[in-house]
Amino acid sequence: MKYKSKTIYMLATISILLTMISFSIALTSTQVLMKEIIQEFSLLGANQGMTNSCFNFGSLIAVISISFLKGRISKWFMLAASVLLMSFSMFFIGNSPFFFLVLIFCLFAGTFGGWIDGYANAMTMDLHKQSSAKYISFLQGSYALGAMLTPIIIHFLMLTLNWRDAYTILSSLVFIAALQCIVISRICSNKIKTNEIAEKRLTIREVKNFAGDKYNLLLIIACLFYSAAQTGQVSWMVRYMDMAYPDSGIWIQATISLYWFGIFLTRMFSPLLKLNPLKMIIFGMAASAVMHSVGIFSGQMFVFIVLTVFCGICIGTVMPVLINESLSRYRGNTSLALSGMYVSSKVGMVAMPALMGTFAAYSINFSMILTDISFVICAIVVFVSLSVKKEGIIKRIFMRFTGI
């Protein structure tokens, strides 16, 4: 009986991992095919980043709603329905004749994708309470795997097809992921204890207690700046390399894939490291900011590529650590904490592409440097949160240097 229980839990976990890959395909597609959409609709200024911003704004709507849906609807149902509807939205993104329709379906895809992202993390945390750090890393690693493979798939599709046909095929892959999620959810939903994935409805008292948690609020702020930086870095990588290195060709897709490969490796193997997770974030953010800036100002394509891949390796642990650090404090009642974390994340993801699009009209280099500024701020906020957790690191450092 125990063996059967473990099998069901593992089957549910694999289904969630595959579903997360589908979300990754949807988001990465809007980033990789941004150049083709810009050319198709002759976009200028901030409009160049609007597909990414709409996708991320939809995700923001989704993660805000997670708290209000808490205890009202099955997580399994939301996960399965969201991936199915996201596949339809992707199909219409690639088959819309007008730019405003593309933006509307990006908004829809982002909303359904936000639910996938949120519920996949919450369910993983609930199903693996004793080893959540490892499985959250695996879940985020599956996202990185999808983001790594999508540019490669798109490259080969674009050899014979246009971007609209590529979107149609990618939406078909997501549809297949939806079918497996629906089937597995039917198998597992009645066999996994309801109290392990169900929650009570949100209360005012719960919100007040959450808002008073200084450590968690600092993690949320850190998540905002990390997400802004990472999204800006990826979403503008294609545009930047196309403008800075016009002959980069296939190296654009290769850079994105290698970047995500670095993130994938770090997320899969970081659970084996016996290091302080917050200190790993501080080092990764600081190192990424410096190396990425050097790559931009070097003026050399291969230097930029190598240092960009280095950034992926350095920042791979950040999102899994932030999610686990926050949600592990609310085991069995993760929706509010997850919503808070993801709301801040989506705000950063919405704002940065549009902000970079505005500054790109004046200086493409400066627009890319905005991501490094955000990385540095994230590192500072995590350092402060480490002080809160360890009760006064900053105070002790100040006293040592001032002699007080």
Protein backbone atom coordinates (compact mmCIF):
# COMPACT_ATOMS: atom_id res chain seq x y z
CA MET A 1 0.00 0.00 0.00
CA LYS A 2 2.86 2.36 0.86
CA TYR A 3 4.54 1.50 -2.47
CA LYS A 4 1.35 2.41 -4.36
CA SER A 5 1.15 5.70 -2.46
CA LYS A 6 4.72 6.61 -3.43
CA THR A 7 3.99 5.72 -7.05
CA ILE A 8 0.95 8.01 -7.14
CA TYR A 9 2.89 10.88 -5.60
CA MET A 10 5.72 10.45 -8.09
CA LEU A 11 3.28 10.24 -10.99
CA ALA A 12 1.67 13.49 -9.85
CA THR A 13 5.10 15.10 -9.53
CA ILE A 14 6.18 14.08 -13.04
CA SER A 15 2.91 15.44 -14.44
CA ILE A 16 3.50 18.77 -12.69
CA LEU A 17 7.07 18.93 -14.04
CA LEU A 18 5.83 18.33 -17.60
CA THR A 19 3.16 20.97 -17.14
CA MET A 20 5.77 23.49 -15.96
CA ILE A 21 7.76 22.81 -19.14
CA SER A 22 4.68 23.78 -21.16
CA PHE A 23 4.51 27.13 -19.34
CA SER A 24 8.17 27.65 -20.10
CA ILE A 25 7.59 26.97 -23.81
CA ALA A 26 4.80 29.57 -23.91
CA LEU A 27 6.79 32.33 -22.19
CA THR A 28 10.06 31.63 -24.00
CA SER A 29 8.27 31.66 -27.36
CA THR A 30 7.16 35.26 -26.84
CA GLN A 31 10.76 36.19 -25.99
CA VAL A 32 12.52 34.33 -28.81
CA LEU A 33 10.04 35.37 -31.53
CA MET A 34 9.93 39.01 -30.42
CA LYS A 35 12.12 40.06 -33.37
CA GLU A 36 9.71 38.50 -35.89
CA ILE A 37 6.69 40.13 -34.25
CA ILE A 38 8.43 43.53 -34.21
CA GLN A 39 9.19 43.22 -37.92
CA GLU A 40 5.74 41.86 -38.82
CA PHE A 41 3.89 44.79 -37.22
CA SER A 42 6.64 47.48 -37.64
CA LEU A 43 6.76 48.21 -33.91
CA LEU A 44 8.67 51.12 -32.38
CA GLY A 45 9.64 52.27 -28.86
CA ALA A 46 7.94 50.65 -25.88
CA ASN A 47 5.66 48.66 -28.21
CA GLN A 48 8.64 46.44 -28.96
CA GLY A 49 8.41 44.97 -25.46
CA MET A 50 4.62 44.88 -25.18
CA THR A 51 4.15 41.17 -26.01
CA ASN A 52 6.34 40.21 -23.05
CA SER A 53 4.74 42.84 -20.83
CA CYS A 54 1.21 41.67 -21.68
CA PHE A 55 2.15 38.06 -21.03
CA ASN A 56 3.62 39.04 -17.68
CA PHE A 57 0.69 41.32 -16.83
CA GLY A 58 -1.62 38.36 -17.41
CA SER A 59 0.55 36.34 -15.05
CA LEU A 60 0.24 39.13 -12.50
CA ILE A 61 -3.57 38.94 -12.70
CA ALA A 62 -3.36 35.18 -12.17
CA VAL A 63 -1.12 35.22 -9.12
CA ILE A 64 -3.16 37.97 -7.43
CA SER A 65 -6.25 35.82 -7.87
CA ILE A 66 -4.61 32.73 -6.32
CA SER A 67 -5.15 34.07 -2.80
CA PHE A 68 -8.84 34.79 -3.46
CA LEU A 69 -9.37 31.37 -5.05
CA LYS A 70 -7.73 29.76 -2.02
CA GLY A 71 -9.98 27.02 -0.63
CA ARG A 72 -12.66 27.66 -3.27
CA ILE A 73 -11.49 25.53 -6.17
CA SER A 74 -9.36 22.42 -6.71
CA LYS A 75 -5.69 23.02 -7.45
CA TRP A 76 -5.69 20.03 -9.80
CA PHE A 77 -8.60 21.50 -11.77
CA MET A 78 -6.93 24.91 -12.04
CA LEU A 79 -3.66 23.38 -13.21
CA ALA A 80 -5.25 21.16 -15.88
CA ALA A 81 -7.69 23.79 -17.16
CA SER A 82 -4.98 26.47 -17.31
CA VAL A 83 -2.56 24.50 -19.46
CA LEU A 84 -5.37 23.56 -21.85
CA LEU A 85 -6.52 27.17 -22.23
CA MET A 86 -2.92 28.38 -22.57
CA SER A 87 -2.42 26.10 -25.58
CA PHE A 88 -5.46 27.69 -27.28
CA SER A 89 -4.16 31.19 -26.49
CA MET A 90 -0.79 30.37 -28.03
CA PHE A 91 -2.51 29.16 -31.19
CA PHE A 92 -4.33 32.47 -31.55
CA ILE A 93 -1.16 34.50 -30.86
CA GLY A 94 0.32 32.95 -33.99
CA ASN A 95 -2.84 33.38 -36.07
CA SER A 96 -3.95 36.92 -35.21
CA PRO A 97 -3.85 39.42 -38.11
CA PHE A 98 -3.64 42.53 -35.91
CA PHE A 99 -1.15 43.49 -33.21
CA PHE A 100 -3.82 44.38 -30.65
CA LEU A 101 -5.20 40.82 -30.97
CA VAL A 102 -1.71 39.42 -30.44
CA LEU A 103 -1.50 41.45 -27.22
CA ILE A 104 -4.93 40.25 -26.05
CA PHE A 105 -3.99 36.60 -26.51
CA CYS A 106 -0.59 37.24 -24.89
CA LEU A 107 -2.56 38.55 -21.93
CA PHE A 108 -4.71 35.41 -21.88
CA ALA A 109 -1.69 33.11 -22.27
CA GLY A 110 0.04 34.94 -19.44
CA THR A 111 -2.97 34.60 -17.15
CA PHE A 112 -3.27 30.86 -17.71
CA GLY A 113 0.52 30.53 -17.50
CA GLY A 114 0.54 32.39 -14.19
CA TRP A 115 -1.92 29.89 -12.75
CA ILE A 116 0.23 27.02 -14.03
CA ASP A 117 3.34 28.52 -12.45
CA GLY A 118 1.63 29.27 -9.16
CA TYR A 119 -0.30 26.05 -8.67
CA ALA A 120 2.61 23.89 -9.84
CA ASN A 121 4.83 25.41 -7.12
CA ALA A 122 2.13 25.22 -4.45
CA MET A 123 1.29 21.60 -5.20
CA THR A 124 4.95 20.59 -5.30
CA MET A 125 5.48 22.18 -1.90
CA ASP A 126 2.38 20.45 -0.49
CA LEU A 127 3.21 17.02 -1.92
CA HIS A 128 6.84 17.03 -0.73
CA LYS A 129 6.80 18.73 2.64
CA GLN A 130 9.90 16.95 3.94
CA SER A 131 12.05 17.55 0.86
CA SER A 132 10.54 20.69 -0.60
CA ALA A 133 13.86 22.42 -1.40
CA LYS A 134 14.93 19.57 -3.67
CA TYR A 135 11.65 19.27 -5.53
CA ILE A 136 11.18 23.03 -5.93
CA SER A 137 14.67 23.08 -7.51
CA PHE A 138 13.62 20.25 -9.82
CA LEU A 139 10.41 22.11 -10.72
CA GLN A 140 12.29 25.31 -11.53
CA GLY A 141 14.84 23.16 -13.35
CA SER A 142 12.07 21.80 -15.57
CA TYR A 143 11.16 25.40 -16.43
CA ALA A 144 14.80 26.02 -17.38
CA LEU A 145 14.80 22.83 -19.48
CA GLY A 146 11.80 24.08 -21.47
CA ALA A 147 13.39 27.50 -21.88
CA MET A 148 16.61 25.85 -23.08
CA LEU A 149 14.91 23.60 -25.66
CA THR A 150 12.41 26.13 -27.04
CA PRO A 151 14.94 28.34 -28.91
CA ILE A 152 16.44 25.21 -30.48
CA ILE A 153 13.01 23.98 -31.60
CA ILE A 154 12.14 27.43 -32.95
CA HIS A 155 15.42 27.64 -34.88
CA PHE A 156 14.74 24.40 -36.75
CA LEU A 157 11.09 25.28 -37.33
CA MET A 158 12.07 28.68 -38.76
CA LEU A 159 14.34 27.02 -41.35
CA THR A 160 11.24 26.04 -43.34
CA LEU A 161 8.32 27.82 -41.65
CA ASN A 162 7.36 31.36 -40.63
CA TRP A 163 6.87 32.52 -37.05
CA ARG A 164 3.11 32.01 -37.21
CA ASP A 165 3.46 28.36 -38.17
CA ALA A 166 6.09 27.94 -35.46
CA TYR A 167 3.60 29.25 -32.89
CA THR A 168 0.97 26.79 -34.11
CA ILE A 169 3.33 23.84 -33.66
CA LEU A 170 4.46 25.04 -30.24
CA SER A 171 0.83 25.41 -29.17
CA SER A 172 0.32 21.78 -30.21
CA LEU A 173 3.14 20.71 -27.88
CA VAL A 174 1.49 22.60 -25.03
CA PHE A 175 -1.85 20.96 -25.93
CA ILE A 176 -0.22 17.52 -25.53
CA ALA A 177 1.04 18.61 -22.09
CA ALA A 178 -2.53 19.64 -21.27
CA LEU A 179 -3.89 16.22 -22.18
CA GLN A 180 -1.42 14.40 -19.93
CA CYS A 181 -2.18 16.79 -17.07
CA ILE A 182 -5.92 16.16 -17.43
CA VAL A 183 -5.44 12.38 -17.47
CA ILE A 184 -3.00 12.30 -14.54
CA SER A 185 -5.15 14.69 -12.50
CA ARG A 186 -8.09 12.31 -12.91
CA ILE A 187 -5.94 9.40 -11.74
CA CYS A 188 -4.30 11.15 -8.80
CA SER A 189 -6.86 13.61 -7.47
CA ASN A 190 -8.89 10.98 -5.62
CA LYS A 191 -5.88 9.00 -4.39
CA ILE A 192 -3.89 11.83 -2.83
CA LYS A 193 -5.15 12.93 0.57
CA THR A 194 -7.36 15.97 0.10
CA ASN A 195 -5.96 17.76 3.15
CA GLU A 196 -2.48 17.72 1.62
CA ILE A 197 -3.38 19.90 -1.37
CA ALA A 198 -6.51 21.70 -0.08
CA GLU A 199 -6.55 24.88 1.98
CA LYS A 200 -8.98 26.94 4.01
CA ARG A 201 -10.35 30.18 2.64
CA LEU A 202 -8.37 33.38 3.10
CA THR A 203 -9.02 35.41 6.27
CA ILE A 204 -8.14 38.98 7.26
CA ARG A 205 -6.16 37.69 10.23
CA GLU A 206 -4.04 35.54 7.95
CA VAL A 207 -3.29 38.53 5.71
CA LYS A 208 -2.30 40.68 8.72
CA ASN A 209 0.05 38.01 10.07
CA PHE A 210 1.62 37.60 6.66
CA ALA A 211 2.08 41.36 6.17
CA GLY A 212 3.85 41.59 9.54
CA ASP A 213 6.50 39.01 8.60
CA LYS A 214 9.55 41.23 7.88
CA TYR A 215 11.72 38.39 6.63
CA ASN A 216 9.14 37.22 4.12
CA LEU A 217 8.45 40.76 2.92
CA LEU A 218 12.16 41.24 2.20
CA LEU A 219 12.19 37.99 0.21
CA ILE A 220 9.23 39.31 -1.78
CA ILE A 221 11.07 42.56 -2.58
CA ALA A 222 14.16 40.58 -3.58
CA CYS A 223 11.99 38.47 -5.87
CA LEU A 224 10.68 41.62 -7.57
CA PHE A 225 14.16 42.87 -8.50
CA TYR A 226 15.45 39.42 -9.45
CA SER A 227 12.49 38.75 -11.75
CA ALA A 228 12.76 42.19 -13.33
CA ALA A 229 16.46 41.66 -14.04
CA GLN A 230 16.17 38.09 -15.28
CA THR A 231 13.16 38.79 -17.51
CA GLY A 232 14.78 41.90 -18.95
CA GLN A 233 17.98 40.00 -19.60
CA VAL A 234 16.24 37.19 -21.49
CA SER A 235 13.46 39.10 -23.24
CA TRP A 236 15.89 41.68 -24.67
CA MET A 237 18.76 39.30 -25.43
CA VAL A 238 17.42 38.58 -28.93
CA ARG A 239 16.89 42.26 -29.74
CA TYR A 240 20.21 43.29 -28.23
CA MET A 241 22.30 40.73 -30.13
CA ASP A 242 20.46 41.47 -33.36
CA MET A 243 21.31 45.18 -33.05
CA ALA A 244 24.76 44.96 -31.46
CA TYR A 245 25.98 42.01 -33.56
CA PRO A 246 24.01 42.01 -36.85
CA ASP A 247 25.81 38.89 -38.10
CA SER A 248 25.12 36.87 -34.95
CA GLY A 249 22.56 34.66 -36.75
CA ILE A 250 22.21 31.26 -35.10
CA TRP A 251 24.30 32.43 -32.12
CA ILE A 252 21.26 34.31 -30.81
CA GLN A 253 19.24 31.13 -30.24
CA ALA A 254 22.39 29.32 -29.10
CA THR A 255 23.06 31.98 -26.45
CA ILE A 256 19.54 31.75 -25.05
CA SER A 257 19.72 27.95 -24.93
CA LEU A 258 23.17 27.96 -23.29
CA TYR A 259 21.99 30.56 -20.78
CA TRP A 260 19.07 28.35 -19.76
CA PHE A 261 21.28 25.28 -19.80
CA GLY A 262 23.44 26.97 -17.16
CA ILE A 263 20.34 27.70 -15.09
CA PHE A 264 19.10 24.14 -15.57
CA LEU A 265 22.38 22.61 -14.36
CA THR A 266 22.52 24.84 -11.30
CA ARG A 267 18.91 24.12 -10.33
CA MET A 268 19.29 20.37 -10.71
CA PHE A 269 22.55 20.07 -8.76
CA SER A 270 22.29 22.90 -6.22
CA PRO A 271 20.37 20.68 -3.71
CA LEU A 272 23.62 18.69 -3.39
CA LEU A 273 25.55 21.75 -2.20
CA LYS A 274 25.80 22.33 1.55
CA LEU A 275 25.95 26.11 1.33
CA ASN A 276 23.86 28.87 2.88
CA PRO A 277 21.17 29.49 0.22
CA LEU A 278 20.87 33.22 0.87
CA LYS A 279 24.63 33.70 0.63
CA MET A 280 24.54 31.83 -2.69
CA ILE A 281 21.98 34.35 -3.95
CA ILE A 282 24.07 37.34 -2.86
CA PHE A 283 27.15 36.00 -4.62
CA GLY A 284 25.19 35.03 -7.75
CA MET A 285 23.51 38.43 -8.08
CA ALA A 286 26.71 40.40 -7.59
CA ALA A 287 28.76 38.21 -9.93
CA SER A 288 26.05 38.31 -12.61
CA ALA A 289 25.80 42.11 -12.49
CA VAL A 290 29.56 42.52 -12.96
CA MET A 291 30.00 39.86 -15.65
CA HIS A 292 26.96 40.91 -17.66
CA SER A 293 28.12 44.54 -17.66
CA VAL A 294 31.59 43.50 -18.81
CA GLY A 295 30.04 41.43 -21.60
CA ILE A 296 27.94 44.36 -22.82
CA PHE A 297 30.77 46.89 -22.87
CA SER A 298 33.35 44.46 -24.30
CA GLY A 299 31.93 44.90 -27.79
CA GLN A 300 32.85 41.27 -28.53
CA MET A 301 30.06 38.84 -29.33
CA PHE A 302 31.75 35.73 -27.95
CA VAL A 303 32.78 37.51 -24.76
CA PHE A 304 29.14 38.55 -24.32
CA ILE A 305 27.95 34.98 -24.96
CA VAL A 306 30.39 33.38 -22.49
CA LEU A 307 29.62 35.88 -19.74
CA THR A 308 25.87 35.59 -20.36
CA VAL A 309 26.11 31.81 -19.87
CA PHE A 310 28.10 32.51 -16.69
CA CYS A 311 25.17 34.66 -15.51
CA GLY A 312 22.81 31.74 -16.03
CA ILE A 313 24.98 29.50 -13.87
CA CYS A 314 25.20 32.14 -11.12
CA ILE A 315 21.49 32.98 -10.89
CA GLY A 316 20.10 29.46 -11.27
CA THR A 317 19.51 28.96 -7.56
CA VAL A 318 17.76 32.27 -6.91
CA MET A 319 14.10 31.53 -7.70
CA PRO A 320 14.00 28.05 -6.12
CA VAL A 321 15.63 29.36 -2.95
CA LEU A 322 13.33 32.38 -2.65
CA ILE A 323 10.22 30.23 -3.19
CA ASN A 324 11.30 27.53 -0.75
CA GLU A 325 12.45 30.04 1.89
CA SER A 326 9.09 31.79 1.73
CA LEU A 327 6.68 28.86 1.31
CA SER A 328 8.40 26.56 3.83
CA ARG A 329 7.26 28.95 6.56
CA TYR A 330 3.63 28.29 5.58
CA ARG A 331 3.57 24.55 4.88
CA GLY A 332 0.10 23.25 4.12
CA ASN A 333 -1.13 26.81 3.62
CA THR A 334 1.08 28.06 0.82
CA SER A 335 -1.30 29.99 -1.45
CA LEU A 336 -1.01 33.39 0.26
CA ALA A 337 2.79 33.23 0.53
CA LEU A 338 3.05 32.05 -3.06
CA SER A 339 0.72 34.80 -4.25
CA GLY A 340 2.77 37.45 -2.46
CA MET A 341 6.00 36.12 -3.94
CA TYR A 342 4.62 35.85 -7.44
CA VAL A 343 2.79 39.17 -7.44
CA SER A 344 6.10 40.93 -6.80
CA SER A 345 7.77 38.75 -9.41
CA LYS A 346 5.19 39.59 -12.08
CA VAL A 347 5.32 43.31 -11.31
CA GLY A 348 9.03 43.22 -12.09
CA MET A 349 8.45 41.10 -15.19
CA VAL A 350 5.80 43.52 -16.50
CA ALA A 351 7.75 46.70 -15.83
CA MET A 352 11.24 45.80 -17.01
CA PRO A 353 10.61 44.88 -20.71
CA ALA A 354 8.58 48.07 -21.26
CA LEU A 355 11.20 50.16 -19.40
CA MET A 356 13.99 48.64 -21.47
CA GLY A 357 12.01 49.23 -24.66
CA THR A 358 11.74 52.92 -23.79
CA PHE A 359 15.46 53.35 -23.11
CA ALA A 360 16.49 51.17 -26.07
CA ALA A 361 15.40 54.01 -28.37
CA TYR A 362 18.28 56.05 -26.91
CA SER A 363 20.87 53.42 -26.00
CA ILE A 364 20.53 49.66 -26.34
CA ASN A 365 23.55 49.20 -24.03
CA PHE A 366 22.01 51.27 -21.24
CA SER A 367 18.72 49.42 -21.56
CA MET A 368 20.60 46.15 -20.94
CA ILE A 369 22.52 47.65 -17.99
CA LEU A 370 19.17 48.26 -16.27
CA THR A 371 19.07 44.51 -15.58
CA ASP A 372 22.43 44.65 -13.80
CA ILE A 373 21.27 47.52 -11.60
CA SER A 374 18.29 45.38 -10.64
CA PHE A 375 20.58 42.40 -9.85
CA VAL A 376 22.63 44.59 -7.48
CA ILE A 377 19.51 45.85 -5.67
CA CYS A 378 18.33 42.25 -5.28
CA ALA A 379 21.68 41.28 -3.71
CA ILE A 380 21.41 44.18 -1.24
CA VAL A 381 17.86 43.25 -0.23
CA VAL A 382 18.82 39.59 0.29
CA PHE A 383 21.75 40.71 2.46
CA VAL A 384 19.34 42.71 4.61
CA SER A 385 16.99 39.71 4.84
CA LEU A 386 19.94 37.56 5.93
CA SER A 387 20.55 40.07 8.71
CA VAL A 388 16.93 39.82 9.81
CA LYS A 389 17.10 36.02 9.80
CA LYS A 390 20.40 35.92 11.70
CA GLU A 391 19.33 38.76 14.02
CA GLY A 392 21.62 41.65 13.32
CA ILE A 393 24.48 40.83 10.96
CA ILE A 394 24.38 44.38 9.61
CA LYS A 395 24.40 45.80 13.14
CA ARG A 396 27.45 43.72 14.11
CA ILE A 397 29.33 44.75 10.96
CA PHE A 398 28.52 48.41 11.62
CA MET A 399 29.74 48.14 15.22
CA ARG A 400 32.98 46.43 14.15
CA PHE A 401 33.88 49.16 11.66
CA THR A 402 32.81 52.09 13.82
CA GLY A 403 34.14 50.73 17.12
CA ILE A 404 30.85 51.51 18.86
